[in-house]
Amino acid sequence: MMKPLVHFFAKNLAIFFLPVAIIVSAIAYLGYELEAERIYNRLALTGQEIARTGNATVLRHLDLITSDVIFLSQESELNDYIPKAFEF
């Protein structure tokens, strides 16, 4: 009497549970892949922003250095025009 009952549960397990488990697993895997792609894209955009920010910082420092060098070169030219009479 127990044998037909066990056979019934095993048959129903194979018919209903396994396809449902496969579908649930496929949906979970799809969700994982979409989330991983979203995270990867966010990291790529963050890396690009960091590179742009670093580039802007370097360019700003180069502009400051260039303006300082131009100022110093003009200062040197002014010193050439100062008469030697003012020197002690």
Protein backbone atom coordinates (compact mmCIF):
# COMPACT_ATOMS: atom_id res chain seq x y z
CA MET A 1 0.00 0.00 0.00
CA MET A 2 2.90 2.39 0.60
CA LYS A 3 4.51 1.63 -2.72
CA PRO A 4 1.80 3.29 -4.88
CA LEU A 5 1.87 6.35 -2.61
CA VAL A 6 5.66 6.72 -2.92
CA HIS A 7 5.37 6.22 -6.67
CA PHE A 8 2.68 8.93 -6.83
CA PHE A 9 4.88 11.48 -4.96
CA ALA A 10 7.96 10.66 -7.02
CA LYS A 11 6.02 10.99 -10.26
CA ASN A 12 4.45 14.31 -9.18
CA LEU A 13 7.83 15.57 -8.01
CA ALA A 14 9.32 14.92 -11.41
CA ILE A 15 6.35 16.41 -13.26
CA PHE A 16 5.74 19.57 -11.21
CA PHE A 17 8.70 20.40 -8.99
CA LEU A 18 11.58 20.01 -11.43
CA PRO A 19 10.19 22.32 -14.15
CA VAL A 20 9.29 24.91 -11.52
CA ALA A 21 12.77 24.64 -10.01
CA ILE A 22 14.36 25.07 -13.44
CA ILE A 23 12.23 28.15 -14.19
CA VAL A 24 12.97 29.72 -10.80
CA SER A 25 16.67 29.03 -11.25
CA ALA A 26 16.64 30.57 -14.73
CA ILE A 27 14.89 33.70 -13.45
CA ALA A 28 17.34 34.01 -10.56
CA TYR A 29 20.29 33.64 -12.94
CA LEU A 30 18.83 36.27 -15.29
CA GLY A 31 18.44 38.64 -12.35
CA TYR A 32 22.03 38.01 -11.31
CA GLU A 33 23.33 38.69 -14.83
CA LEU A 34 21.35 41.93 -15.14
CA GLU A 35 22.57 43.13 -11.75
CA ALA A 36 26.18 42.23 -12.57
CA GLU A 37 25.97 44.14 -15.87
CA ARG A 38 24.48 47.16 -14.11
CA ILE A 39 27.26 47.15 -11.51
CA TYR A 40 29.92 46.76 -14.22
CA ASN A 41 28.50 49.72 -16.17
CA ARG A 42 28.39 51.85 -13.03
CA LEU A 43 32.03 51.01 -12.26
CA ALA A 44 33.06 51.85 -15.82
CA LEU A 45 31.30 55.22 -15.63
CA THR A 46 32.86 55.92 -12.24
CA GLY A 47 36.30 55.14 -13.63
CA GLN A 48 35.73 57.50 -16.55
CA GLU A 49 34.62 60.26 -14.17
CA ILE A 50 37.74 59.77 -12.05
CA ALA A 51 39.92 59.99 -15.16
CA ARG A 52 38.14 63.18 -16.32
CA THR A 53 38.50 64.74 -12.88
CA GLY A 54 42.19 63.86 -12.75
CA ASN A 55 42.69 65.25 -16.24
CA ALA A 56 40.97 68.51 -15.30
CA THR A 57 43.11 68.81 -12.16
CA VAL A 58 46.32 68.27 -14.09
CA LEU A 59 45.29 70.82 -16.72
CA ARG A 60 44.44 73.34 -14.02
CA HIS A 61 47.86 72.87 -12.39
CA LEU A 62 49.58 73.21 -15.77
CA ASP A 63 47.69 76.45 -16.42
CA LEU A 64 48.86 77.80 -13.06
CA ILE A 65 52.45 76.79 -13.75
CA THR A 66 52.31 78.35 -17.22
CA SER A 67 50.95 81.63 -15.87
CA ASP A 68 53.67 81.67 -13.17
CA VAL A 69 56.40 81.07 -15.76
CA ILE A 70 55.00 83.85 -17.97
CA PHE A 71 54.91 86.21 -14.98
CA LEU A 72 58.47 85.36 -14.02
CA SER A 73 59.69 85.87 -17.58
CA GLN A 74 58.06 89.31 -17.68
CA GLU A 75 59.59 90.13 -14.30
CA SER A 76 63.00 89.21 -15.67
CA GLU A 77 62.48 91.53 -18.65
CA LEU A 78 61.51 94.37 -16.29
CA ASN A 79 64.70 93.89 -14.34
CA ASP A 80 66.67 94.41 -17.56
CA TYR A 81 65.02 97.83 -18.03
CA ILE A 82 65.72 99.11 -14.51
CA PRO A 83 68.62 101.55 -14.59
CA LYS A 84 71.78 100.47 -12.85
CA ALA A 85 71.74 103.77 -10.90
CA PHE A 86 69.29 102.43 -8.37
CA GLU A 87 71.63 99.62 -7.36
CA PHE A 88 73.65 100.10 -4.19
